[in-house]
Amino acid sequence: MYNQYDYYFKFKKRPSEDKLFGVLKSSKFSLFPIFEGYETDFKHKIKKFGFTSSEKVIEQTGWTIFTNNRNILIIFQYAPGGFDIRIITDKEDAAIGICKLLSKIEGVVDYKKGKLKDNELIQHLNKQLKTLSPNGKALKNATLGTVISKIVSCDKLRVLVKKIADTYGNLPLSFEQLNTLNIDKSELNNLINDANLVQKNHKIICAKCKQPSEFLFEYKVDAEKSLKKAKYSCPKCGNNKTGIIEYYSLTKNALAALKQGIWLEKLCLDTISRITNNYWSGYYVDTNELDGVTVFSGNIILVECKDTSFGQNELYIAMVKAEDVKANIVLIVTTNPVHNNVEKLILKYEKQGKRKFRIISSNNAEEIVKGLSKFFVLKQTNDILGLIDNRSHLHPRNKSYRETFTNDLEL
């Protein structure tokens, strides 16, 4: 799968373009330019890299595109005091190797992940987001994090736990009581034997009418000791013969993982932080609790997670939060379909031009991850592929470039 890696390089003295491009071309990656901004004598310079002056080139001031016609695409652009590069590849090692090469060029001081504008926005948010919300603290709790990860990793398990929680909360239940929920027995057995999700206790029951006692015992041996110390008489039928059976209740952490959709916040945290390398989950801005915020390609993106319906009220709250953090994109991640009336409102607000909204709606964790990954494939990549397709004649070595990337990028 192709991923995007952004870096900002800082320099004391601006390296010559010939030196920068020469390093990329002569390296083991064999990168060569497809398009380049007209900052210098382009036609003369492009001949050095294998193109003829008669080939048509699109004028896109300020950026250059490189490829090795296999699995690397680089977008290069000068920025104040340095330059930005975006590397699109299926091999993170290649991105790291290219950065190490460029960092050794004379005049380059250092480099950081993220574009220059991204780093400025990240510094701004770091100053603004200081206080963790209850969900933010919960996400940093290692023990709870283990439980959340289990619930995130398996949709069937999450649905099962949610069904028990919605019906009984954390009340202790016998196996027979759990069976009344029409739960698959193999899945139920897996659940009750997971100590992170279910706590086991024991009750004394009447052997005749199955009436349970009021008392819970953590261990069976404790229930047996209790029977030896005192005689038992069933309050319902008067029988004095007994049995001991297991009772099961959801742990506090299992309930907490489902509370207010925190599992969904964890899923977004794990997925997006791998893509953007910056993500704030569970912070307060003023009195509003943020599910997630990230900086990506010059945008501040507010992430709203809802494990219930997302209605007009939720939309208004999201807009207030977006205004607080100056987000220009609101990404709504919900496990339920968004009503048509809400979608119409979103279109209305988008026409005002202040910010954009995107919706990912699914009750399937894998589908949500796919939706997030697709969202973060940059529009710029699509634009560049469109330019290559429709308005240029590439060097013969690059004739298969379009097919190479579209097969994997799912554009």
Protein backbone atom coordinates (compact mmCIF):
# COMPACT_ATOMS: atom_id res chain seq x y z
CA MET A 1 0.00 0.00 0.00
CA TYR A 2 1.28 3.46 -0.90
CA ASN A 3 1.74 6.00 1.90
CA GLN A 4 2.69 9.65 1.97
CA TYR A 5 5.66 11.04 3.91
CA ASP A 6 6.13 14.82 4.28
CA TYR A 7 9.39 16.45 5.36
CA TYR A 8 10.69 19.99 5.75
CA PHE A 9 14.43 20.60 5.17
CA LYS A 10 16.08 23.68 6.65
CA PHE A 11 19.20 25.15 5.10
CA LYS A 12 21.72 27.91 5.90
CA LYS A 13 22.52 28.46 2.27
CA ARG A 14 20.18 27.46 -0.52
CA PRO A 15 21.71 24.51 -2.39
CA SER A 16 21.78 24.75 -6.15
CA GLU A 17 18.97 22.96 -7.92
CA ASP A 18 21.47 21.12 -10.10
CA LYS A 19 23.08 19.68 -6.97
CA LEU A 20 19.75 18.69 -5.40
CA PHE A 21 18.40 17.10 -8.56
CA GLY A 22 21.74 15.51 -9.37
CA VAL A 23 21.83 13.75 -5.99
CA LEU A 24 18.37 12.30 -6.59
CA LYS A 25 19.23 11.17 -10.10
CA SER A 26 22.60 9.61 -9.29
CA SER A 27 21.43 7.80 -6.16
CA LYS A 28 20.42 4.15 -6.06
CA PHE A 29 16.80 5.34 -6.43
CA SER A 30 17.51 6.73 -9.95
CA LEU A 31 14.95 9.51 -9.67
CA PHE A 32 14.30 11.87 -12.56
CA PRO A 33 11.99 14.90 -12.95
CA ILE A 34 8.66 14.80 -14.78
CA PHE A 35 7.53 18.43 -14.30
CA GLU A 36 9.31 21.40 -12.85
CA GLY A 37 8.40 25.00 -12.04
CA TYR A 38 9.87 27.69 -14.30
CA GLU A 39 12.14 29.26 -11.71
CA THR A 40 15.21 29.07 -13.95
CA ASP A 41 15.94 28.15 -17.57
CA PHE A 42 13.85 25.01 -17.51
CA LYS A 43 14.25 23.88 -21.13
CA HIS A 44 18.02 24.04 -20.93
CA LYS A 45 18.16 22.31 -17.57
CA ILE A 46 15.71 19.56 -18.38
CA LYS A 47 17.99 18.29 -21.17
CA LYS A 48 20.50 17.33 -18.49
CA PHE A 49 17.99 14.86 -17.08
CA GLY A 50 17.02 13.01 -20.24
CA PHE A 51 14.21 15.11 -21.72
CA THR A 52 14.22 16.82 -25.13
CA SER A 53 13.32 20.49 -25.52
CA SER A 54 10.45 19.60 -27.85
CA GLU A 55 8.55 17.72 -25.14
CA LYS A 56 5.55 19.56 -23.77
CA VAL A 57 5.84 20.46 -20.09
CA ILE A 58 3.16 21.97 -17.87
CA GLU A 59 4.03 25.25 -16.18
CA GLN A 60 3.40 24.75 -12.47
CA THR A 61 5.42 27.39 -10.65
CA GLY A 62 7.13 26.36 -7.45
CA TRP A 63 7.04 22.60 -7.51
CA THR A 64 8.80 19.72 -9.19
CA ILE A 65 7.79 16.08 -9.52
CA PHE A 66 10.26 13.19 -9.56
CA THR A 67 9.73 9.49 -10.08
CA ASN A 68 11.75 6.34 -10.66
CA ASN A 69 8.85 4.92 -12.70
CA ARG A 70 8.43 2.05 -10.24
CA ASN A 71 7.41 2.77 -6.68
CA ILE A 72 8.49 6.30 -5.72
CA LEU A 73 6.91 9.69 -6.40
CA ILE A 74 8.44 12.88 -4.96
CA ILE A 75 6.91 16.35 -4.94
CA PHE A 76 9.54 19.03 -4.25
CA GLN A 77 8.88 22.68 -3.36
CA TYR A 78 10.98 25.50 -1.94
CA ALA A 79 9.72 27.04 1.31
CA PRO A 80 11.02 29.95 3.45
CA GLY A 81 14.45 28.99 4.74
CA GLY A 82 14.32 25.53 3.22
CA PHE A 83 12.27 23.18 1.07
CA ASP A 84 9.36 20.77 1.46
CA ILE A 85 9.28 17.31 -0.05
CA ARG A 86 6.42 14.84 -0.17
CA ILE A 87 7.42 11.24 -0.84
CA ILE A 88 4.73 8.80 -1.97
CA THR A 89 5.95 5.22 -1.87
CA ASP A 90 5.08 1.73 -0.68
CA LYS A 91 8.44 1.50 1.11
CA GLU A 92 9.03 3.71 4.17
CA ASP A 93 12.72 2.71 4.11
CA ALA A 94 13.00 4.40 0.70
CA ALA A 95 11.57 7.64 2.10
CA ILE A 96 14.04 7.56 5.00
CA GLY A 97 16.93 6.82 2.62
CA ILE A 98 16.04 9.73 0.34
CA CYS A 99 15.91 12.11 3.32
CA LYS A 100 19.32 10.97 4.53
CA LEU A 101 20.77 11.63 1.07
CA LEU A 102 19.34 15.15 0.90
CA SER A 103 20.39 15.95 4.49
CA LYS A 104 24.06 15.47 3.52
CA ILE A 105 23.99 18.14 0.81
CA GLU A 106 26.10 21.17 1.66
CA GLY A 107 23.98 23.93 3.16
CA VAL A 108 21.26 21.67 4.57
CA VAL A 109 21.07 21.98 8.38
CA ASP A 110 18.44 19.39 9.38
CA TYR A 111 15.00 18.09 8.52
CA LYS A 112 11.72 17.27 10.28
CA LYS A 113 8.63 15.28 9.45
CA GLY A 114 5.80 17.40 8.11
CA LYS A 115 5.74 20.43 5.81
CA LEU A 116 6.86 23.89 6.98
CA LYS A 117 3.25 25.08 7.23
CA ASP A 118 2.32 21.87 9.03
CA ASN A 119 5.04 22.41 11.62
CA GLU A 120 3.83 25.98 12.23
CA LEU A 121 0.25 24.75 12.74
CA ILE A 122 1.47 21.95 15.02
CA GLN A 123 3.28 24.48 17.23
CA HIS A 124 0.08 26.55 17.40
CA LEU A 125 -2.02 23.54 18.49
CA ASN A 126 0.61 22.41 20.99
CA LYS A 127 0.20 25.78 22.73
CA GLN A 128 -3.61 25.66 22.58
CA LEU A 129 -4.25 22.04 23.60
CA LYS A 130 -2.92 21.51 27.11
CA THR A 131 -5.68 19.92 29.21
CA LEU A 132 -6.70 16.28 28.81
CA SER A 133 -10.39 15.38 28.94
CA PRO A 134 -11.62 12.26 30.82
CA ASN A 135 -11.51 10.31 27.55
CA GLY A 136 -8.01 11.62 26.86
CA LYS A 137 -6.83 10.37 30.25
CA ALA A 138 -8.53 7.03 29.64
CA LEU A 139 -6.75 6.65 26.29
CA LYS A 140 -3.41 7.10 28.05
CA ASN A 141 -4.26 4.42 30.65
CA ALA A 142 -2.22 1.36 29.65
CA THR A 143 -4.56 -1.21 31.24
CA LEU A 144 -7.66 0.31 29.70
CA GLY A 145 -5.76 0.68 26.43
CA THR A 146 -5.29 -3.10 26.27
CA VAL A 147 -9.05 -3.63 26.66
CA ILE A 148 -9.89 -0.95 24.09
CA SER A 149 -7.47 -2.53 21.60
CA LYS A 150 -9.22 -5.90 22.00
CA ILE A 151 -12.63 -4.35 21.39
CA VAL A 152 -11.33 -2.41 18.39
CA SER A 153 -9.68 -5.48 16.86
CA CYS A 154 -12.86 -7.58 16.56
CA ASP A 155 -16.25 -6.28 15.46
CA LYS A 156 -18.05 -9.43 16.67
CA LEU A 157 -16.52 -9.10 20.12
CA ARG A 158 -17.42 -5.41 20.32
CA VAL A 159 -21.03 -6.05 19.27
CA LEU A 160 -21.28 -8.87 21.82
CA VAL A 161 -19.92 -6.79 24.70
CA LYS A 162 -22.15 -3.86 23.71
CA LYS A 163 -25.22 -6.11 23.63
CA ILE A 164 -24.54 -7.34 27.17
CA ALA A 165 -23.72 -3.83 28.41
CA ASP A 166 -26.87 -2.30 26.90
CA THR A 167 -29.06 -5.04 28.40
CA TYR A 168 -27.53 -5.70 31.82
CA GLY A 169 -24.70 -3.21 32.43
CA ASN A 170 -22.24 -4.89 34.78
CA LEU A 171 -24.76 -7.08 36.63
CA PRO A 172 -23.48 -10.61 37.41
CA LEU A 173 -25.14 -13.15 35.09
CA SER A 174 -25.20 -16.92 34.82
CA PHE A 175 -24.32 -18.66 31.56
CA GLU A 176 -28.04 -19.47 31.09
CA GLN A 177 -28.98 -15.80 31.46
CA LEU A 178 -26.38 -14.80 28.88
CA ASN A 179 -27.76 -17.44 26.51
CA THR A 180 -31.14 -15.68 26.46
CA LEU A 181 -29.46 -12.94 24.39
CA ASN A 182 -29.11 -15.41 21.48
CA ILE A 183 -25.33 -15.17 21.50
CA ASP A 184 -23.11 -17.58 19.58
CA LYS A 185 -21.84 -20.06 22.21
CA SER A 186 -18.25 -20.21 20.90
CA GLU A 187 -18.00 -16.41 20.95
CA LEU A 188 -19.55 -16.33 24.43
CA ASN A 189 -17.05 -18.90 25.72
CA ASN A 190 -14.17 -16.83 24.36
CA LEU A 191 -15.56 -13.74 26.05
CA ILE A 192 -16.16 -15.19 29.53
CA ASN A 193 -12.62 -16.62 29.58
CA ASP A 194 -11.04 -13.24 28.88
CA ALA A 195 -10.14 -11.76 32.28
CA ASN A 196 -9.66 -8.28 30.77
CA LEU A 197 -13.30 -8.15 29.71
CA VAL A 198 -15.19 -10.40 32.13
CA GLN A 199 -14.90 -10.92 35.86
CA LYS A 200 -15.84 -14.36 37.24
CA ASN A 201 -17.58 -14.82 40.58
CA HIS A 202 -19.55 -17.63 42.21
CA LYS A 203 -22.96 -18.03 43.77
CA ILE A 204 -24.57 -20.75 45.89
CA ILE A 205 -27.80 -21.98 44.26
CA CYS A 206 -30.61 -24.27 45.26
CA ALA A 207 -30.12 -27.67 43.61
CA LYS A 208 -33.88 -28.09 43.22
CA CYS A 209 -35.34 -24.78 41.99
CA LYS A 210 -32.04 -23.10 40.95
CA GLN A 211 -32.74 -20.03 43.10
CA PRO A 212 -29.38 -18.18 43.56
CA SER A 213 -28.22 -16.72 46.85
CA GLU A 214 -27.68 -12.99 47.22
CA PHE A 215 -23.97 -13.28 47.94
CA LEU A 216 -21.11 -13.33 45.43
CA PHE A 217 -17.87 -15.17 46.11
CA GLU A 218 -14.75 -14.40 44.09
CA TYR A 219 -13.48 -17.99 44.41
CA LYS A 220 -15.42 -21.26 44.48
CA VAL A 221 -13.48 -22.41 47.55
CA ASP A 222 -14.83 -19.44 49.50
CA ALA A 223 -18.42 -20.47 48.67
CA GLU A 224 -17.64 -24.03 49.82
CA LYS A 225 -16.22 -22.75 53.12
CA SER A 226 -19.36 -20.68 53.65
CA LEU A 227 -21.56 -23.79 53.25
CA LYS A 228 -19.51 -25.68 55.82
CA LYS A 229 -19.89 -22.93 58.38
CA ALA A 230 -23.66 -22.48 58.06
CA LYS A 231 -26.66 -24.56 57.00
CA TYR A 232 -28.38 -23.52 53.80
CA SER A 233 -32.14 -23.47 53.27
CA CYS A 234 -33.61 -22.18 50.01
CA PRO A 235 -35.81 -19.16 50.75
CA LYS A 236 -38.02 -20.07 47.79
CA CYS A 237 -38.68 -23.84 48.17
CA GLY A 238 -37.10 -24.72 51.53
CA ASN A 239 -34.71 -27.27 49.96
CA ASN A 240 -31.33 -27.65 51.68
CA LYS A 241 -29.39 -29.24 48.82
CA THR A 242 -27.06 -26.81 47.05
CA GLY A 243 -24.78 -26.27 44.10
CA ILE A 244 -22.18 -23.63 43.16
CA ILE A 245 -22.13 -22.02 39.72
CA GLU A 246 -20.10 -19.29 38.03
CA TYR A 247 -21.48 -15.81 37.41
CA TYR A 248 -20.04 -13.37 34.90
CA SER A 249 -20.00 -9.58 34.79
CA LEU A 250 -18.33 -7.11 32.44
CA THR A 251 -15.27 -5.46 33.93
CA LYS A 252 -15.17 -1.72 34.56
CA ASN A 253 -12.62 -1.39 31.77
CA ALA A 254 -14.86 -3.23 29.29
CA LEU A 255 -17.71 -0.84 30.07
CA ALA A 256 -15.36 2.16 29.95
CA ALA A 257 -14.08 1.14 26.50
CA LEU A 258 -17.63 1.35 25.15
CA LYS A 259 -18.59 4.47 27.07
CA GLN A 260 -19.18 7.46 24.79
CA GLY A 261 -17.56 5.64 21.87
CA ILE A 262 -14.04 5.75 23.31
CA TRP A 263 -13.15 2.62 21.27
CA LEU A 264 -13.89 4.64 18.12
CA GLU A 265 -11.63 7.45 19.32
CA LYS A 266 -8.90 4.85 19.89
CA LEU A 267 -9.37 3.45 16.38
CA CYS A 268 -9.02 6.93 14.85
CA LEU A 269 -6.03 7.70 17.09
CA ASP A 270 -4.15 4.56 16.05
CA THR A 271 -4.96 4.94 12.34
CA ILE A 272 -4.47 8.67 11.82
CA SER A 273 -1.35 9.06 13.98
CA ARG A 274 0.40 6.52 11.72
CA ILE A 275 -0.43 8.64 8.67
CA THR A 276 0.08 12.20 9.88
CA ASN A 277 2.66 11.73 12.66
CA ASN A 278 0.69 14.22 14.77
CA TYR A 279 -2.64 13.70 16.50
CA TRP A 280 -4.30 15.14 19.60
CA SER A 281 -6.99 12.88 21.06
CA GLY A 282 -9.12 13.77 24.07
CA TYR A 283 -8.19 17.39 24.80
CA TYR A 284 -10.24 20.36 25.96
CA VAL A 285 -10.45 23.59 24.02
CA ASP A 286 -12.27 26.03 26.30
CA THR A 287 -15.07 23.83 27.71
CA ASN A 288 -15.44 21.62 24.63
CA GLU A 289 -13.96 18.12 24.52
CA LEU A 290 -12.22 17.26 21.24
CA ASP A 291 -12.32 13.68 19.98
CA GLY A 292 -9.36 14.30 17.69
CA VAL A 293 -7.38 16.97 15.83
CA THR A 294 -4.60 16.56 13.30
CA VAL A 295 -2.54 18.66 10.90
CA PHE A 296 -2.22 17.33 7.37
CA SER A 297 -1.00 19.01 4.18
CA GLY A 298 -1.52 22.52 5.47
CA ASN A 299 -4.95 21.78 6.95
CA ILE A 300 -6.18 21.57 10.53
CA ILE A 301 -8.63 18.65 10.58
CA LEU A 302 -11.14 18.18 13.39
CA VAL A 303 -12.17 14.54 13.89
CA GLU A 304 -15.63 13.94 15.40
CA CYS A 305 -16.33 10.36 16.56
CA LYS A 306 -19.86 9.12 17.19
CA ASP A 307 -20.79 5.57 18.18
CA THR A 308 -24.42 6.73 18.04
CA SER A 309 -26.40 8.81 15.55
CA PHE A 310 -24.89 12.08 14.29
CA GLY A 311 -27.70 14.63 14.20
CA GLN A 312 -28.15 18.37 13.80
CA ASN A 313 -27.18 19.08 17.40
CA GLU A 314 -23.91 17.13 16.97
CA LEU A 315 -23.25 19.07 13.76
CA TYR A 316 -23.64 22.42 15.52
CA ILE A 317 -21.32 21.33 18.33
CA ALA A 318 -18.75 20.16 15.76
CA MET A 319 -18.89 23.56 14.06
CA VAL A 320 -18.21 25.33 17.36
CA LYS A 321 -15.21 23.08 18.02
CA ALA A 322 -13.93 23.62 14.47
CA GLU A 323 -14.10 27.37 14.99
CA ASP A 324 -12.23 27.07 18.30
CA VAL A 325 -9.24 25.28 16.74
CA LYS A 326 -9.52 27.05 13.33
CA ALA A 327 -10.07 23.73 11.55
CA ASN A 328 -10.81 24.06 7.85
CA ILE A 329 -11.89 20.41 7.51
CA VAL A 330 -14.28 18.46 9.76
CA LEU A 331 -14.04 14.67 9.45
CA ILE A 332 -17.09 12.90 10.90
CA VAL A 333 -16.57 9.24 11.82
CA THR A 334 -19.79 7.54 12.87
CA THR A 335 -21.07 3.98 13.26
CA ASN A 336 -24.57 4.98 12.09
CA PRO A 337 -25.80 6.45 8.78
CA VAL A 338 -26.07 10.24 8.74
CA HIS A 339 -29.64 11.49 8.11
CA ASN A 340 -30.38 13.24 4.82
CA ASN A 341 -31.38 16.43 6.65
CA VAL A 342 -27.94 16.61 8.26
CA GLU A 343 -26.22 16.02 4.91
CA LYS A 344 -28.26 18.87 3.40
CA LEU A 345 -27.17 21.17 6.22
CA ILE A 346 -23.55 20.17 5.64
CA LEU A 347 -23.85 21.06 1.94
CA LYS A 348 -25.36 24.40 2.91
CA TYR A 349 -22.45 25.22 5.23
CA GLU A 350 -19.87 24.06 2.68
CA LYS A 351 -21.30 26.50 0.13
CA GLN A 352 -20.45 29.30 2.55
CA GLY A 353 -16.84 28.35 1.86
CA LYS A 354 -15.46 28.47 5.39
CA ARG A 355 -14.70 24.76 5.82
CA LYS A 356 -15.27 21.34 4.30
CA PHE A 357 -16.95 18.30 5.82
CA ARG A 358 -16.29 14.63 5.13
CA ILE A 359 -18.22 11.62 6.50
CA ILE A 360 -17.06 8.06 7.17
CA SER A 361 -20.02 5.93 8.22
CA SER A 362 -19.65 2.24 9.10
CA ASN A 363 -20.09 -0.15 12.03
CA ASN A 364 -17.12 -2.17 10.76
CA ALA A 365 -13.70 -1.23 12.14
CA GLU A 366 -11.88 -2.42 9.03
CA GLU A 367 -14.12 -0.31 6.79
CA ILE A 368 -13.50 2.74 8.98
CA VAL A 369 -9.73 2.22 8.71
CA LYS A 370 -10.03 1.95 4.91
CA GLY A 371 -12.12 5.12 4.84
CA LEU A 372 -9.57 7.03 6.92
CA SER A 373 -6.68 5.82 4.74
CA LYS A 374 -8.54 6.84 1.58
CA PHE A 375 -9.38 10.26 3.02
CA PHE A 376 -5.73 11.00 3.65
CA VAL A 377 -4.66 10.24 0.06
CA LEU A 378 -4.01 13.77 -1.03
CA LYS A 379 -6.03 15.52 -3.69
CA GLN A 380 -2.71 16.84 -4.98
CA THR A 381 -1.71 13.32 -5.97
CA ASN A 382 -4.89 13.02 -8.04
CA ASP A 383 -4.24 16.41 -9.63
CA ILE A 384 -0.72 15.44 -10.62
CA LEU A 385 -1.84 12.15 -12.14
CA GLY A 386 -4.47 14.09 -14.06
CA LEU A 387 -1.82 16.42 -15.46
CA ILE A 388 0.31 13.48 -16.54
CA ASP A 389 -2.66 11.80 -18.19
CA ASN A 390 -4.22 14.71 -20.00
CA ARG A 391 -1.73 17.46 -20.74
CA SER A 392 1.78 16.10 -21.17
CA HIS A 393 4.05 13.91 -23.25
CA LEU A 394 6.40 12.05 -20.96
CA HIS A 395 9.76 10.60 -21.59
CA PRO A 396 9.37 7.04 -23.03
CA ARG A 397 10.84 5.55 -19.86
CA ASN A 398 7.81 6.82 -18.00
CA LYS A 399 4.95 5.68 -20.21
CA SER A 400 3.66 3.17 -17.65
CA TYR A 401 3.74 5.62 -14.74
CA ARG A 402 -0.03 6.10 -14.62
CA GLU A 403 -0.75 2.38 -14.49
CA THR A 404 1.95 1.78 -11.87
CA PHE A 405 0.46 4.15 -9.30
CA THR A 406 -3.28 3.94 -9.86
CA ASN A 407 -3.32 0.17 -9.34
CA ASP A 408 -2.23 0.58 -5.73
CA LEU A 409 -3.39 4.03 -4.72
CA GLU A 410 -7.10 3.32 -5.36
CA LEU A 411 -7.66 6.77 -6.77
